Amino acid sequence: MVYYVYKLKRGGRAIKAIIDDKLYSLTDASKAIEKNVHYFGNLKKQRPEYFDEVELLSIGSVVVLKGSDIKKVLKRVKKEGDPPLIK
């Protein structure tokens, strides 16, 4: 099975620009939601529970995930002042 990493073109709108079937590296996923390029990498290290039930694929030294999985992770992210989403 062959996987391709698609680079998101700059200027796309945040979550609307994420396509469910495409694969994004953690850096490209962070750029797609207009966050710091290390956002998903740091989130994976600090809060690995947000990535439960998310398929992370390793292609060489690059970790990729599907656009639909990016949306799953973003739904689990706790906003400041909100009660925890995951119990």
N, C-alpha and C. Protein backbone atom coordinates (compact mmCIF):
# COMPACT_ATOMS: atom_id res chain seq x y z
N MET A 1 0.85 -1.17 0.00
CA MET A 1 0.00 0.00 0.00
C MET A 1 0.90 1.24 0.00
N VAL A 2 0.59 2.21 -0.84
CA VAL A 2 1.40 3.41 -0.97
C VAL A 2 0.62 4.59 -0.41
N TYR A 3 1.28 5.38 0.42
CA TYR A 3 0.67 6.58 0.98
C TYR A 3 1.42 7.80 0.48
N TYR A 4 0.71 8.84 0.21
CA TYR A 4 1.31 10.09 -0.23
C TYR A 4 0.99 11.18 0.78
N VAL A 5 1.93 12.06 1.02
CA VAL A 5 1.72 13.19 1.91
C VAL A 5 1.43 14.39 1.03
N TYR A 6 0.27 15.00 1.24
CA TYR A 6 -0.13 16.17 0.46
C TYR A 6 0.20 17.42 1.25
N LYS A 7 0.87 18.34 0.60
CA LYS A 7 1.17 19.62 1.22
C LYS A 7 -0.02 20.54 1.01
N LEU A 8 -0.46 21.20 2.06
CA LEU A 8 -1.56 22.14 1.95
C LEU A 8 -1.03 23.47 1.45
N LYS A 9 -1.66 24.02 0.44
CA LYS A 9 -1.23 25.30 -0.09
C LYS A 9 -1.55 26.40 0.91
N ARG A 10 -0.66 27.36 1.01
CA ARG A 10 -0.88 28.48 1.92
C ARG A 10 -2.07 29.29 1.46
N GLY A 11 -2.73 29.91 2.41
CA GLY A 11 -3.88 30.75 2.10
C GLY A 11 -5.20 30.03 2.25
N GLY A 12 -5.17 28.70 2.55
CA GLY A 12 -6.42 27.97 2.74
C GLY A 12 -7.06 28.35 4.07
N ARG A 13 -8.36 28.24 4.17
CA ARG A 13 -9.03 28.53 5.43
C ARG A 13 -8.93 27.32 6.34
N ALA A 14 -8.89 27.58 7.62
CA ALA A 14 -8.58 26.59 8.65
C ALA A 14 -9.23 25.23 8.43
N ILE A 15 -10.25 24.90 9.15
CA ILE A 15 -10.79 23.54 9.14
C ILE A 15 -11.53 23.25 7.84
N LYS A 16 -12.10 24.23 7.20
CA LYS A 16 -12.80 24.02 5.94
C LYS A 16 -11.86 23.51 4.86
N ALA A 17 -10.58 23.88 4.94
CA ALA A 17 -9.61 23.50 3.93
C ALA A 17 -9.12 22.06 4.11
N ILE A 18 -9.41 21.45 5.24
CA ILE A 18 -8.93 20.09 5.50
C ILE A 18 -9.82 19.09 4.77
N ILE A 19 -9.20 18.27 3.95
CA ILE A 19 -9.93 17.27 3.16
C ILE A 19 -9.79 15.93 3.87
N ASP A 20 -10.91 15.26 4.11
CA ASP A 20 -10.94 14.05 4.92
C ASP A 20 -10.05 12.93 4.41
N ASP A 21 -9.97 12.73 3.10
CA ASP A 21 -9.25 11.58 2.55
C ASP A 21 -7.75 11.78 2.42
N LYS A 22 -7.29 13.01 2.47
CA LYS A 22 -5.86 13.26 2.28
C LYS A 22 -5.09 13.02 3.56
N LEU A 23 -3.80 12.76 3.39
CA LEU A 23 -2.91 12.57 4.52
C LEU A 23 -2.10 13.84 4.74
N TYR A 24 -1.95 14.22 6.00
CA TYR A 24 -1.20 15.41 6.37
C TYR A 24 -0.12 15.02 7.37
N SER A 25 1.05 15.59 7.20
CA SER A 25 2.07 15.43 8.24
C SER A 25 1.62 16.26 9.44
N LEU A 26 2.22 16.04 10.59
CA LEU A 26 1.84 16.82 11.77
C LEU A 26 2.09 18.31 11.55
N THR A 27 3.17 18.63 10.84
CA THR A 27 3.47 20.03 10.53
C THR A 27 2.42 20.63 9.60
N ASP A 28 2.06 19.90 8.55
CA ASP A 28 1.06 20.40 7.62
C ASP A 28 -0.32 20.51 8.27
N ALA A 29 -0.64 19.59 9.16
CA ALA A 29 -1.91 19.68 9.88
C ALA A 29 -1.94 20.93 10.75
N SER A 30 -0.83 21.25 11.38
CA SER A 30 -0.75 22.46 12.21
C SER A 30 -0.91 23.71 11.35
N LYS A 31 -0.27 23.71 10.19
CA LYS A 31 -0.40 24.85 9.28
C LYS A 31 -1.83 24.98 8.75
N ALA A 32 -2.48 23.83 8.52
CA ALA A 32 -3.83 23.84 7.97
C ALA A 32 -4.82 24.51 8.90
N ILE A 33 -4.60 24.39 10.21
CA ILE A 33 -5.51 25.04 11.16
C ILE A 33 -4.96 26.38 11.63
N GLU A 34 -3.94 26.84 10.92
CA GLU A 34 -3.35 28.16 11.16
C GLU A 34 -2.80 28.31 12.58
N LYS A 35 -2.10 27.27 13.03
CA LYS A 35 -1.41 27.27 14.31
C LYS A 35 0.10 27.19 14.06
N ASN A 36 0.86 27.25 15.14
CA ASN A 36 2.31 27.08 15.07
C ASN A 36 2.62 25.72 14.44
N VAL A 37 3.70 25.62 13.69
CA VAL A 37 4.04 24.37 12.99
C VAL A 37 4.28 23.20 13.94
N HIS A 38 4.55 23.47 15.19
CA HIS A 38 4.80 22.41 16.18
C HIS A 38 3.56 22.06 17.00
N TYR A 39 2.40 22.62 16.66
CA TYR A 39 1.19 22.46 17.47
C TYR A 39 0.81 20.98 17.65
N PHE A 40 0.63 20.24 16.56
CA PHE A 40 0.23 18.83 16.68
C PHE A 40 1.33 17.96 17.27
N GLY A 41 2.59 18.26 16.97
CA GLY A 41 3.69 17.50 17.56
C GLY A 41 3.74 17.66 19.06
N ASN A 42 3.60 18.90 19.53
CA ASN A 42 3.59 19.15 20.97
C ASN A 42 2.35 18.57 21.62
N LEU A 43 1.21 18.67 20.94
CA LEU A 43 -0.03 18.13 21.49
C LEU A 43 0.07 16.61 21.64
N LYS A 44 0.71 15.96 20.67
CA LYS A 44 0.89 14.50 20.74
C LYS A 44 1.78 14.10 21.91
N LYS A 45 2.81 14.90 22.18
CA LYS A 45 3.70 14.61 23.30
C LYS A 45 3.05 14.89 24.64
N GLN A 46 2.34 16.02 24.75
CA GLN A 46 1.78 16.45 26.03
C GLN A 46 0.46 15.77 26.37
N ARG A 47 -0.37 15.53 25.38
CA ARG A 47 -1.69 14.95 25.60
C ARG A 47 -1.94 13.79 24.64
N PRO A 48 -1.26 12.67 24.82
CA PRO A 48 -1.43 11.54 23.89
C PRO A 48 -2.85 10.97 23.89
N GLU A 49 -3.63 11.22 24.95
CA GLU A 49 -5.00 10.71 25.00
C GLU A 49 -5.89 11.35 23.93
N TYR A 50 -5.53 12.51 23.43
CA TYR A 50 -6.29 13.14 22.34
C TYR A 50 -6.15 12.35 21.04
N PHE A 51 -5.13 11.53 20.94
CA PHE A 51 -4.85 10.78 19.72
C PHE A 51 -5.30 9.32 19.82
N ASP A 52 -6.06 8.97 20.88
CA ASP A 52 -6.64 7.63 20.97
C ASP A 52 -7.64 7.47 19.82
N GLU A 53 -7.72 6.30 19.25
CA GLU A 53 -8.62 5.98 18.15
C GLU A 53 -8.30 6.78 16.88
N VAL A 54 -7.09 7.34 16.80
CA VAL A 54 -6.65 8.06 15.61
C VAL A 54 -5.52 7.25 14.99
N GLU A 55 -5.60 7.03 13.69
CA GLU A 55 -4.59 6.24 13.00
C GLU A 55 -3.43 7.14 12.58
N LEU A 56 -2.28 6.94 13.23
CA LEU A 56 -1.07 7.67 12.88
C LEU A 56 -0.18 6.73 12.06
N LEU A 57 0.22 7.19 10.89
CA LEU A 57 1.05 6.38 10.01
C LEU A 57 2.45 6.96 9.97
N SER A 58 3.46 6.10 10.00
CA SER A 58 4.84 6.55 9.88
C SER A 58 5.33 6.25 8.47
N ILE A 59 5.75 7.30 7.78
CA ILE A 59 6.33 7.17 6.45
C ILE A 59 7.74 7.70 6.56
N GLY A 60 8.69 6.79 6.69
CA GLY A 60 10.07 7.20 6.96
C GLY A 60 10.11 7.80 8.36
N SER A 61 10.55 9.04 8.45
CA SER A 61 10.60 9.71 9.75
C SER A 61 9.44 10.68 9.92
N VAL A 62 8.49 10.67 8.98
CA VAL A 62 7.35 11.58 9.02
C VAL A 62 6.12 10.85 9.54
N VAL A 63 5.42 11.45 10.49
CA VAL A 63 4.17 10.90 11.01
C VAL A 63 3.03 11.64 10.32
N VAL A 64 2.10 10.87 9.74
CA VAL A 64 0.98 11.48 9.04
C VAL A 64 -0.34 10.99 9.61
N LEU A 65 -1.39 11.79 9.40
CA LEU A 65 -2.73 11.40 9.79
C LEU A 65 -3.71 11.93 8.76
N LYS A 66 -4.90 11.33 8.74
CA LYS A 66 -5.92 11.71 7.77
C LYS A 66 -6.59 13.01 8.20
N GLY A 67 -7.19 13.68 7.24
CA GLY A 67 -7.91 14.91 7.54
C GLY A 67 -9.06 14.70 8.50
N SER A 68 -9.74 13.56 8.38
CA SER A 68 -10.85 13.28 9.30
C SER A 68 -10.34 13.08 10.73
N ASP A 69 -9.11 12.54 10.86
CA ASP A 69 -8.53 12.36 12.19
C ASP A 69 -8.10 13.69 12.81
N ILE A 70 -7.72 14.64 11.97
CA ILE A 70 -7.39 15.98 12.48
C ILE A 70 -8.62 16.58 13.15
N LYS A 71 -9.76 16.41 12.51
CA LYS A 71 -11.01 16.94 13.06
C LYS A 71 -11.38 16.26 14.37
N LYS A 72 -11.12 14.93 14.47
CA LYS A 72 -11.38 14.21 15.72
C LYS A 72 -10.54 14.75 16.86
N VAL A 73 -9.26 14.98 16.58
CA VAL A 73 -8.36 15.50 17.61
C VAL A 73 -8.80 16.89 18.05
N LEU A 74 -9.17 17.73 17.11
CA LEU A 74 -9.57 19.09 17.45
C LEU A 74 -10.84 19.12 18.29
N LYS A 75 -11.73 18.14 18.10
CA LYS A 75 -12.94 18.07 18.92
C LYS A 75 -12.61 17.70 20.37
N ARG A 76 -11.49 17.01 20.57
CA ARG A 76 -11.11 16.57 21.92
C ARG A 76 -10.27 17.59 22.67
N VAL A 77 -9.74 18.57 21.98
CA VAL A 77 -8.85 19.55 22.62
C VAL A 77 -9.65 20.38 23.61
N LYS A 78 -9.13 20.45 24.82
CA LYS A 78 -9.79 21.21 25.88
C LYS A 78 -9.45 22.69 25.73
N LYS A 79 -10.47 23.52 25.73
CA LYS A 79 -10.26 24.96 25.70
C LYS A 79 -10.09 25.46 27.13
N GLU A 80 -9.40 26.57 27.29
CA GLU A 80 -9.15 27.12 28.62
C GLU A 80 -10.48 27.42 29.31
N GLY A 81 -10.64 26.90 30.52
CA GLY A 81 -11.84 27.15 31.31
C GLY A 81 -12.95 26.14 31.11
N ASP A 82 -12.85 25.29 30.08
CA ASP A 82 -13.86 24.27 29.83
C ASP A 82 -13.57 23.04 30.69
N PRO A 83 -14.60 22.26 31.02
CA PRO A 83 -14.33 21.01 31.74
C PRO A 83 -13.63 20.02 30.81
N PRO A 84 -12.88 19.07 31.34
CA PRO A 84 -12.18 18.10 30.49
C PRO A 84 -13.17 17.31 29.63
N LEU A 85 -12.79 17.05 28.37
CA LEU A 85 -13.65 16.32 27.46
C LEU A 85 -13.49 14.82 27.59
N ILE A 86 -12.28 14.38 27.95
CA ILE A 86 -11.98 12.96 28.04
C ILE A 86 -11.91 12.56 29.51
N LYS A 87 -12.60 11.49 29.86
CA LYS A 87 -12.61 11.05 31.25
C LYS A 87 -11.94 9.72 31.40
